[in-house]
Amino acid sequence: MSENLLSSQDEEKSMTLIDHISELRYRIVRAALGVFVGMCFCWGFSEKLFDFIRGPIQPYLPNGGLVFTAPIDKFMAHIKISFVCGALISAPFWLYHLWKFISPALYKNEKKIAAGFVFFGTFQFTMGVAFSYYVVLPMAFKFLMNFGGSVDKPMITIDHYLGFFTQTALIFGLAFEMPVIISFLGMIGVLSQRFLKEKRRIAVVTIAVVSAIAAPPDALSMVLLLVPLWVLYEISIIVVGLFERRKARQQES
């Protein structure tokens, strides 16, 4: 009888696991379709999107454009741009499906907290990408393209520029997530405001090392990554302190 009971329990668990896998597959397929639709939509504007992405380096191109070394390069560049932009504009759709998969496992208060972190995480990532586009890339190109005089002329390929652009935007987007991550760790009690203050010097040195490794290969980009990260670290200390005071008030009441 006990063997039958155990086998029925195992069957129930396996069915639950299968249900989860089926639900995950359903959500992934819907999310992928959303990205594909967004990609098809952006394909119609890929030339304008390409012009926008080319904006930071445009003033330093002697012939008015980037170069390509293979017939398919420009076509593939438009595919990549359409895919990335399609994923961005369809983010509310695939984030919704991600949320529908995760939310059943969360309590009501956890859902509110998770929704808040998703919102601010998305906002911070967007701010990081915008900072890289409007501040970092123009200043970096002004320094790099004018370095060493005007005798040499640049001949930058589409592939190299898109790689540099994507790397820079991704680095700054992820770097701006630091307050969100530290705030979350502070909220669950892993980090404290006192700890963050005591380890400030170590944190600044770590930020400098990470900036030197992650930033594009020039000193200006390193500084432009280091300074915002330092400021964001200081903001994180304040936010963690607010969480601690709020938790203390809740415990007192």
C-alpha atoms as a PDB file:
ATOM      1  CA  MET A   1       0.000   0.000   0.000  1.00  0.00           C
ATOM      2  CA  SER A   2       2.836   2.354   0.893  1.00  0.00           C
ATOM      3  CA  GLU A   3       4.469   1.566  -2.453  1.00  0.00           C
ATOM      4  CA  ASN A   4       1.248   2.475  -4.266  1.00  0.00           C
ATOM      5  CA  LEU A   5       1.027   5.711  -2.280  1.00  0.00           C
ATOM      6  CA  LEU A   6       4.621   6.635  -3.129  1.00  0.00           C
ATOM      7  CA  SER A   7       4.111   5.825  -6.808  1.00  0.00           C
ATOM      8  CA  SER A   8       0.976   7.990  -6.928  1.00  0.00           C
ATOM      9  CA  GLN A   9       2.868  10.861  -5.263  1.00  0.00           C
ATOM     10  CA  ASP A  10       5.721  10.498  -7.773  1.00  0.00           C
ATOM     11  CA  GLU A  11       3.212  10.498 -10.608  1.00  0.00           C
ATOM     12  CA  GLU A  12       1.615  13.677  -9.252  1.00  0.00           C
ATOM     13  CA  LYS A  13       5.016  15.376  -9.009  1.00  0.00           C
ATOM     14  CA  SER A  14       5.958  14.311 -12.544  1.00  0.00           C
ATOM     15  CA  MET A  15       2.640  15.588 -13.859  1.00  0.00           C
ATOM     16  CA  THR A  16       3.251  18.902 -12.084  1.00  0.00           C
ATOM     17  CA  LEU A  17       6.705  19.102 -13.639  1.00  0.00           C
ATOM     18  CA  ILE A  18       5.262  18.319 -17.070  1.00  0.00           C
ATOM     19  CA  ASP A  19       2.650  21.017 -16.559  1.00  0.00           C
ATOM     20  CA  HIS A  20       5.390  23.522 -15.703  1.00  0.00           C
ATOM     21  CA  ILE A  21       7.415  22.541 -18.766  1.00  0.00           C
ATOM     22  CA  SER A  22       4.328  22.847 -20.986  1.00  0.00           C
ATOM     23  CA  GLU A  23       3.551  26.264 -19.508  1.00  0.00           C
ATOM     24  CA  LEU A  24       7.167  27.369 -20.011  1.00  0.00           C
ATOM     25  CA  ARG A  25       7.106  26.207 -23.628  1.00  0.00           C
ATOM     26  CA  TYR A  26       3.809  28.029 -24.197  1.00  0.00           C
ATOM     27  CA  ARG A  27       5.214  31.280 -22.776  1.00  0.00           C
ATOM     28  CA  ILE A  28       8.500  31.001 -24.706  1.00  0.00           C
ATOM     29  CA  VAL A  29       6.669  30.422 -28.000  1.00  0.00           C
ATOM     30  CA  ARG A  30       4.366  33.405 -27.394  1.00  0.00           C
ATOM     31  CA  ALA A  31       7.306  35.602 -26.372  1.00  0.00           C
ATOM     32  CA  ALA A  32       9.296  34.549 -29.458  1.00  0.00           C
ATOM     33  CA  LEU A  33       6.312  35.330 -31.690  1.00  0.00           C
ATOM     34  CA  GLY A  34       6.075  38.761 -30.074  1.00  0.00           C
ATOM     35  CA  VAL A  35       9.753  39.442 -30.785  1.00  0.00           C
ATOM     36  CA  PHE A  36       9.326  38.202 -34.367  1.00  0.00           C
ATOM     37  CA  VAL A  37       6.354  40.516 -34.955  1.00  0.00           C
ATOM     38  CA  GLY A  38       8.343  43.399 -33.459  1.00  0.00           C
ATOM     39  CA  MET A  39      11.278  42.524 -35.713  1.00  0.00           C
ATOM     40  CA  CYS A  40       9.069  42.501 -38.824  1.00  0.00           C
ATOM     41  CA  PHE A  41       7.636  45.874 -37.816  1.00  0.00           C
ATOM     42  CA  CYS A  42      11.095  47.370 -37.281  1.00  0.00           C
ATOM     43  CA  TRP A  43      12.304  45.979 -40.609  1.00  0.00           C
ATOM     44  CA  GLY A  44      10.152  48.586 -42.345  1.00  0.00           C
ATOM     45  CA  PHE A  45      12.071  51.314 -40.502  1.00  0.00           C
ATOM     46  CA  SER A  46      15.481  49.627 -40.483  1.00  0.00           C
ATOM     47  CA  GLU A  47      17.098  52.323 -42.643  1.00  0.00           C
ATOM     48  CA  LYS A  48      15.971  55.093 -40.285  1.00  0.00           C
ATOM     49  CA  LEU A  49      17.004  53.019 -37.270  1.00  0.00           C
ATOM     50  CA  PHE A  50      20.404  52.468 -38.867  1.00  0.00           C
ATOM     51  CA  ASP A  51      20.771  56.218 -39.409  1.00  0.00           C
ATOM     52  CA  PHE A  52      19.939  56.792 -35.737  1.00  0.00           C
ATOM     53  CA  ILE A  53      22.471  54.205 -34.547  1.00  0.00           C
ATOM     54  CA  ARG A  54      25.106  55.667 -36.880  1.00  0.00           C
ATOM     55  CA  GLY A  55      24.466  59.144 -35.427  1.00  0.00           C
ATOM     56  CA  PRO A  56      27.297  59.327 -32.840  1.00  0.00           C
ATOM     57  CA  ILE A  57      30.016  58.538 -35.403  1.00  0.00           C
ATOM     58  CA  GLN A  58      28.446  60.255 -38.428  1.00  0.00           C
ATOM     59  CA  PRO A  59      30.372  63.579 -38.064  1.00  0.00           C
ATOM     60  CA  TYR A  60      33.690  61.713 -38.247  1.00  0.00           C
ATOM     61  CA  LEU A  61      33.024  59.712 -41.418  1.00  0.00           C
ATOM     62  CA  PRO A  62      34.848  61.409 -44.306  1.00  0.00           C
ATOM     63  CA  ASN A  63      32.693  59.850 -47.020  1.00  0.00           C
ATOM     64  CA  GLY A  64      29.443  60.202 -45.091  1.00  0.00           C
ATOM     65  CA  GLY A  65      28.943  56.532 -44.253  1.00  0.00           C
ATOM     66  CA  LEU A  66      30.348  53.269 -42.981  1.00  0.00           C
ATOM     67  CA  VAL A  67      31.915  50.721 -45.313  1.00  0.00           C
ATOM     68  CA  PHE A  68      31.206  47.022 -45.818  1.00  0.00           C
ATOM     69  CA  THR A  69      33.601  44.374 -47.091  1.00  0.00           C
ATOM     70  CA  ALA A  70      31.094  41.707 -48.175  1.00  0.00           C
ATOM     71  CA  PRO A  71      27.860  42.028 -50.184  1.00  0.00           C
ATOM     72  CA  ILE A  72      25.772  40.573 -47.355  1.00  0.00           C
ATOM     73  CA  ASP A  73      27.189  42.802 -44.578  1.00  0.00           C
ATOM     74  CA  LYS A  74      24.667  45.621 -44.879  1.00  0.00           C
ATOM     75  CA  PHE A  75      21.732  43.221 -45.151  1.00  0.00           C
ATOM     76  CA  MET A  76      22.853  41.351 -42.025  1.00  0.00           C
ATOM     77  CA  ALA A  77      23.307  44.658 -40.201  1.00  0.00           C
ATOM     78  CA  HIS A  78      19.679  45.554 -40.921  1.00  0.00           C
ATOM     79  CA  ILE A  79      18.603  42.090 -39.713  1.00  0.00           C
ATOM     80  CA  LYS A  80      20.489  42.573 -36.427  1.00  0.00           C
ATOM     81  CA  ILE A  81      19.117  46.081 -35.914  1.00  0.00           C
ATOM     82  CA  SER A  82      15.559  44.941 -36.642  1.00  0.00           C
ATOM     83  CA  PHE A  83      15.918  42.037 -34.211  1.00  0.00           C
ATOM     84  CA  VAL A  84      17.304  44.138 -31.340  1.00  0.00           C
ATOM     85  CA  CYS A  85      14.787  46.948 -31.824  1.00  0.00           C
ATOM     86  CA  GLY A  86      11.978  44.414 -32.259  1.00  0.00           C
ATOM     87  CA  ALA A  87      12.938  42.794 -28.951  1.00  0.00           C
ATOM     88  CA  LEU A  88      12.916  46.218 -27.284  1.00  0.00           C
ATOM     89  CA  ILE A  89       9.528  47.381 -28.542  1.00  0.00           C
ATOM     90  CA  SER A  90       7.963  43.978 -27.822  1.00  0.00           C
ATOM     91  CA  ALA A  91       9.427  43.953 -24.293  1.00  0.00           C
ATOM     92  CA  PRO A  92       6.050  44.656 -22.602  1.00  0.00           C
ATOM     93  CA  PHE A  93       4.611  41.602 -24.383  1.00  0.00           C
ATOM     94  CA  TRP A  94       7.354  39.085 -23.582  1.00  0.00           C
ATOM     95  CA  LEU A  95       7.832  40.507 -20.072  1.00  0.00           C
ATOM     96  CA  TYR A  96       4.102  39.921 -19.544  1.00  0.00           C
ATOM     97  CA  HIS A  97       4.499  36.250 -20.487  1.00  0.00           C
ATOM     98  CA  LEU A  98       7.576  35.959 -18.271  1.00  0.00           C
ATOM     99  CA  TRP A  99       5.561  37.464 -15.428  1.00  0.00           C
ATOM    100  CA  LYS A 100       2.628  35.075 -16.029  1.00  0.00           C
ATOM    101  CA  PHE A 101       5.022  32.142 -15.723  1.00  0.00           C
ATOM    102  CA  ILE A 102       6.718  33.379 -12.524  1.00  0.00           C
ATOM    103  CA  SER A 103       3.862  35.102 -10.669  1.00  0.00           C
ATOM    104  CA  PRO A 104       1.899  31.959  -9.595  1.00  0.00           C
ATOM    105  CA  ALA A 105       4.846  31.005  -7.362  1.00  0.00           C
ATOM    106  CA  LEU A 106       4.876  34.389  -5.585  1.00  0.00           C
ATOM    107  CA  TYR A 107       2.851  35.692  -2.663  1.00  0.00           C
ATOM    108  CA  LYS A 108       0.851  38.896  -3.018  1.00  0.00           C
ATOM    109  CA  ASN A 109       3.451  41.123  -1.331  1.00  0.00           C
ATOM    110  CA  GLU A 110       6.245  39.438  -3.311  1.00  0.00           C
ATOM    111  CA  LYS A 111       4.397  40.209  -6.552  1.00  0.00           C
ATOM    112  CA  LYS A 112       4.322  43.925  -5.681  1.00  0.00           C
ATOM    113  CA  ILE A 113       8.028  43.934  -4.830  1.00  0.00           C
ATOM    114  CA  ALA A 114       8.968  41.966  -7.957  1.00  0.00           C
ATOM    115  CA  ALA A 115       6.890  44.259 -10.183  1.00  0.00           C
ATOM    116  CA  GLY A 116       8.634  47.282  -8.663  1.00  0.00           C
ATOM    117  CA  PHE A 117      12.093  45.838  -9.275  1.00  0.00           C
ATOM    118  CA  VAL A 118      11.196  44.891 -12.868  1.00  0.00           C
ATOM    119  CA  PHE A 119       9.962  48.439 -13.517  1.00  0.00           C
ATOM    120  CA  PHE A 120      12.991  50.169 -12.009  1.00  0.00           C
ATOM    121  CA  GLY A 121      15.360  47.631 -13.539  1.00  0.00           C
ATOM    122  CA  THR A 122      13.952  48.367 -16.994  1.00  0.00           C
ATOM    123  CA  PHE A 123      14.121  52.103 -16.317  1.00  0.00           C
ATOM    124  CA  GLN A 124      17.749  51.917 -15.155  1.00  0.00           C
ATOM    125  CA  PHE A 125      18.785  49.817 -18.160  1.00  0.00           C
ATOM    126  CA  THR A 126      17.142  52.329 -20.507  1.00  0.00           C
ATOM    127  CA  MET A 127      18.914  55.193 -18.733  1.00  0.00           C
ATOM    128  CA  GLY A 128      22.249  53.406 -19.112  1.00  0.00           C
ATOM    129  CA  VAL A 129      21.757  52.856 -22.840  1.00  0.00           C
ATOM    130  CA  ALA A 130      20.645  56.485 -23.299  1.00  0.00           C
ATOM    131  CA  PHE A 131      23.692  57.704 -21.355  1.00  0.00           C
ATOM    132  CA  SER A 132      25.990  55.667 -23.591  1.00  0.00           C
ATOM    133  CA  TYR A 133      24.331  57.018 -26.763  1.00  0.00           C
ATOM    134  CA  TYR A 134      24.034  60.701 -25.888  1.00  0.00           C
ATOM    135  CA  VAL A 135      27.116  61.160 -23.680  1.00  0.00           C
ATOM    136  CA  VAL A 136      29.684  58.358 -23.851  1.00  0.00           C
ATOM    137  CA  LEU A 137      29.789  57.557 -27.573  1.00  0.00           C
ATOM    138  CA  PRO A 138      29.941  61.189 -28.817  1.00  0.00           C
ATOM    139  CA  MET A 139      32.741  62.022 -26.361  1.00  0.00           C
ATOM    140  CA  ALA A 140      34.591  58.771 -27.067  1.00  0.00           C
ATOM    141  CA  PHE A 141      34.455  59.292 -30.842  1.00  0.00           C
ATOM    142  CA  LYS A 142      35.517  62.922 -30.508  1.00  0.00           C
ATOM    143  CA  PHE A 143      38.626  61.762 -28.654  1.00  0.00           C
ATOM    144  CA  LEU A 144      39.371  58.613 -30.661  1.00  0.00           C
ATOM    145  CA  MET A 145      38.708  59.954 -34.152  1.00  0.00           C
ATOM    146  CA  ASN A 146      40.783  63.111 -33.613  1.00  0.00           C
ATOM    147  CA  PHE A 147      43.645  61.378 -31.851  1.00  0.00           C
ATOM    148  CA  GLY A 148      47.027  61.594 -33.569  1.00  0.00           C
ATOM    149  CA  GLY A 149      46.261  64.378 -36.030  1.00  0.00           C
ATOM    150  CA  SER A 150      44.270  64.483 -39.256  1.00  0.00           C
ATOM    151  CA  VAL A 151      46.636  62.702 -41.648  1.00  0.00           C
ATOM    152  CA  ASP A 152      45.062  59.260 -41.275  1.00  0.00           C
ATOM    153  CA  LYS A 153      41.508  58.759 -42.478  1.00  0.00           C
ATOM    154  CA  PRO A 154      39.055  56.323 -40.851  1.00  0.00           C
ATOM    155  CA  MET A 155      37.539  53.462 -42.805  1.00  0.00           C
ATOM    156  CA  ILE A 156      35.189  51.834 -40.327  1.00  0.00           C
ATOM    157  CA  THR A 157      33.138  48.820 -41.324  1.00  0.00           C
ATOM    158  CA  ILE A 158      29.477  48.367 -40.466  1.00  0.00           C
ATOM    159  CA  ASP A 159      30.275  45.177 -38.569  1.00  0.00           C
ATOM    160  CA  HIS A 160      32.946  46.770 -36.379  1.00  0.00           C
ATOM    161  CA  TYR A 161      30.824  49.803 -35.587  1.00  0.00           C
ATOM    162  CA  LEU A 162      27.731  47.782 -34.679  1.00  0.00           C
ATOM    163  CA  GLY A 163      29.859  45.584 -32.429  1.00  0.00           C
ATOM    164  CA  PHE A 164      31.379  48.616 -30.697  1.00  0.00           C
ATOM    165  CA  PHE A 165      27.985  50.322 -30.381  1.00  0.00           C
ATOM    166  CA  THR A 166      26.239  47.228 -28.998  1.00  0.00           C
ATOM    167  CA  GLN A 167      29.052  46.450 -26.560  1.00  0.00           C
ATOM    168  CA  THR A 168      29.076  50.000 -25.182  1.00  0.00           C
ATOM    169  CA  ALA A 169      25.284  50.232 -24.873  1.00  0.00           C
ATOM    170  CA  LEU A 170      25.067  46.827 -23.178  1.00  0.00           C
ATOM    171  CA  ILE A 171      27.885  47.597 -20.720  1.00  0.00           C
ATOM    172  CA  PHE A 172      26.333  50.876 -19.615  1.00  0.00           C
ATOM    173  CA  GLY A 173      22.821  49.420 -19.536  1.00  0.00           C
ATOM    174  CA  LEU A 174      23.929  46.607 -17.229  1.00  0.00           C
ATOM    175  CA  ALA A 175      26.137  48.934 -15.160  1.00  0.00           C
ATOM    176  CA  PHE A 176      23.157  51.143 -14.386  1.00  0.00           C
ATOM    177  CA  GLU A 177      21.435  48.088 -12.856  1.00  0.00           C
ATOM    178  CA  MET A 178      23.787  48.274  -9.862  1.00  0.00           C
ATOM    179  CA  PRO A 179      21.419  50.267  -7.588  1.00  0.00           C
ATOM    180  CA  VAL A 180      18.607  47.814  -8.323  1.00  0.00           C
ATOM    181  CA  ILE A 181      20.763  44.790  -7.455  1.00  0.00           C
ATOM    182  CA  ILE A 182      22.253  46.358  -4.312  1.00  0.00           C
ATOM    183  CA  SER A 183      18.823  47.577  -3.189  1.00  0.00           C
ATOM    184  CA  PHE A 184      17.406  44.074  -3.600  1.00  0.00           C
ATOM    185  CA  LEU A 185      20.273  42.561  -1.587  1.00  0.00           C
ATOM    186  CA  GLY A 186      19.739  45.220   1.061  1.00  0.00           C
ATOM    187  CA  MET A 187      16.005  44.550   1.196  1.00  0.00           C
ATOM    188  CA  ILE A 188      16.486  40.818   1.827  1.00  0.00           C
ATOM    189  CA  GLY A 189      19.149  41.514   4.466  1.00  0.00           C
ATOM    190  CA  VAL A 190      22.273  40.359   2.606  1.00  0.00           C
ATOM    191  CA  LEU A 191      23.794  43.875   2.599  1.00  0.00           C
ATOM    192  CA  SER A 192      23.445  46.703   5.112  1.00  0.00           C
ATOM    193  CA  GLN A 193      24.027  50.444   4.843  1.00  0.00           C
ATOM    194  CA  ARG A 194      26.808  50.193   7.414  1.00  0.00           C
ATOM    195  CA  PHE A 195      28.553  47.459   5.418  1.00  0.00           C
ATOM    196  CA  LEU A 196      28.327  49.460   2.187  1.00  0.00           C
ATOM    197  CA  LYS A 197      29.809  52.527   3.892  1.00  0.00           C
ATOM    198  CA  GLU A 198      32.637  50.550   5.487  1.00  0.00           C
ATOM    199  CA  LYS A 199      33.549  48.882   2.182  1.00  0.00           C
ATOM    200  CA  ARG A 200      33.283  52.091   0.129  1.00  0.00           C
ATOM    201  CA  ARG A 201      37.013  52.229  -0.710  1.00  0.00           C
ATOM    202  CA  ILE A 202      37.078  48.593  -1.798  1.00  0.00           C
ATOM    203  CA  ALA A 203      33.942  49.196  -3.863  1.00  0.00           C
ATOM    204  CA  VAL A 204      35.487  52.212  -5.625  1.00  0.00           C
ATOM    205  CA  VAL A 205      38.661  50.250  -6.454  1.00  0.00           C
ATOM    206  CA  THR A 206      36.518  47.365  -7.735  1.00  0.00           C
ATOM    207  CA  ILE A 207      34.463  49.772  -9.844  1.00  0.00           C
ATOM    208  CA  ALA A 208      37.681  51.230 -11.295  1.00  0.00           C
ATOM    209  CA  VAL A 209      38.995  47.770 -12.205  1.00  0.00           C
ATOM    210  CA  VAL A 210      35.668  46.711 -13.742  1.00  0.00           C
ATOM    211  CA  SER A 211      35.502  49.985 -15.696  1.00  0.00           C
ATOM    212  CA  ALA A 212      39.023  49.449 -17.034  1.00  0.00           C
ATOM    213  CA  ILE A 213      38.157  45.916 -18.179  1.00  0.00           C
ATOM    214  CA  ALA A 214      34.599  46.434 -19.424  1.00  0.00           C
ATOM    215  CA  ALA A 215      34.774  49.884 -21.016  1.00  0.00           C
ATOM    216  CA  PRO A 216      35.844  50.389 -24.635  1.00  0.00           C
ATOM    217  CA  PRO A 217      39.656  50.590 -24.915  1.00  0.00           C
ATOM    218  CA  ASP A 218      40.267  54.242 -24.074  1.00  0.00           C
ATOM    219  CA  ALA A 219      40.767  56.160 -20.836  1.00  0.00           C
ATOM    220  CA  LEU A 220      37.853  58.524 -21.470  1.00  0.00           C
ATOM    221  CA  SER A 221      35.309  55.698 -21.712  1.00  0.00           C
ATOM    222  CA  MET A 222      36.712  54.204 -18.527  1.00  0.00           C
ATOM    223  CA  VAL A 223      36.208  57.501 -16.662  1.00  0.00           C
ATOM    224  CA  LEU A 224      32.720  57.902 -18.148  1.00  0.00           C
ATOM    225  CA  LEU A 225      31.812  54.467 -16.784  1.00  0.00           C
ATOM    226  CA  LEU A 226      33.602  54.852 -13.443  1.00  0.00           C
ATOM    227  CA  VAL A 227      32.009  58.155 -12.406  1.00  0.00           C
ATOM    228  CA  PRO A 228      28.339  57.117 -12.929  1.00  0.00           C
ATOM    229  CA  LEU A 229      28.977  53.781 -11.198  1.00  0.00           C
ATOM    230  CA  TRP A 230      30.492  55.576  -8.222  1.00  0.00           C
ATOM    231  CA  VAL A 231      27.498  57.920  -8.056  1.00  0.00           C
ATOM    232  CA  LEU A 232      25.106  54.968  -8.374  1.00  0.00           C
ATOM    233  CA  TYR A 233      26.926  53.197  -5.544  1.00  0.00           C
ATOM    234  CA  GLU A 234      26.395  56.223  -3.299  1.00  0.00           C
ATOM    235  CA  ILE A 235      22.719  56.289  -4.291  1.00  0.00           C
ATOM    236  CA  SER A 236      22.503  52.581  -3.441  1.00  0.00           C
ATOM    237  CA  ILE A 237      23.770  53.316   0.078  1.00  0.00           C
ATOM    238  CA  ILE A 238      20.965  55.853   0.550  1.00  0.00           C
ATOM    239  CA  VAL A 239      18.308  53.478  -0.832  1.00  0.00           C
ATOM    240  CA  VAL A 240      19.445  50.596   1.390  1.00  0.00           C
ATOM    241  CA  GLY A 241      19.292  52.964   4.373  1.00  0.00           C
ATOM    242  CA  LEU A 242      15.703  53.849   3.479  1.00  0.00           C
ATOM    243  CA  PHE A 243      14.798  50.150   3.330  1.00  0.00           C
ATOM    244  CA  GLU A 244      16.376  49.590   6.757  1.00  0.00           C
ATOM    245  CA  ARG A 245      14.511  52.486   8.350  1.00  0.00           C
ATOM    246  CA  ARG A 246      11.244  51.317   6.801  1.00  0.00           C
ATOM    247  CA  LYS A 247      11.803  47.783   8.105  1.00  0.00           C
ATOM    248  CA  ALA A 248      12.627  49.147  11.578  1.00  0.00           C
ATOM    249  CA  ARG A 249       9.382  51.165  11.653  1.00  0.00           C
ATOM    250  CA  GLN A 250       7.374  48.094  10.614  1.00  0.00           C
ATOM    251  CA  GLN A 251       8.944  46.018  13.382  1.00  0.00           C
ATOM    252  CA  GLU A 252       8.214  48.715  15.978  1.00  0.00           C
ATOM    253  CA  SER A 253       4.565  48.928  14.951  1.00  0.00           C
END
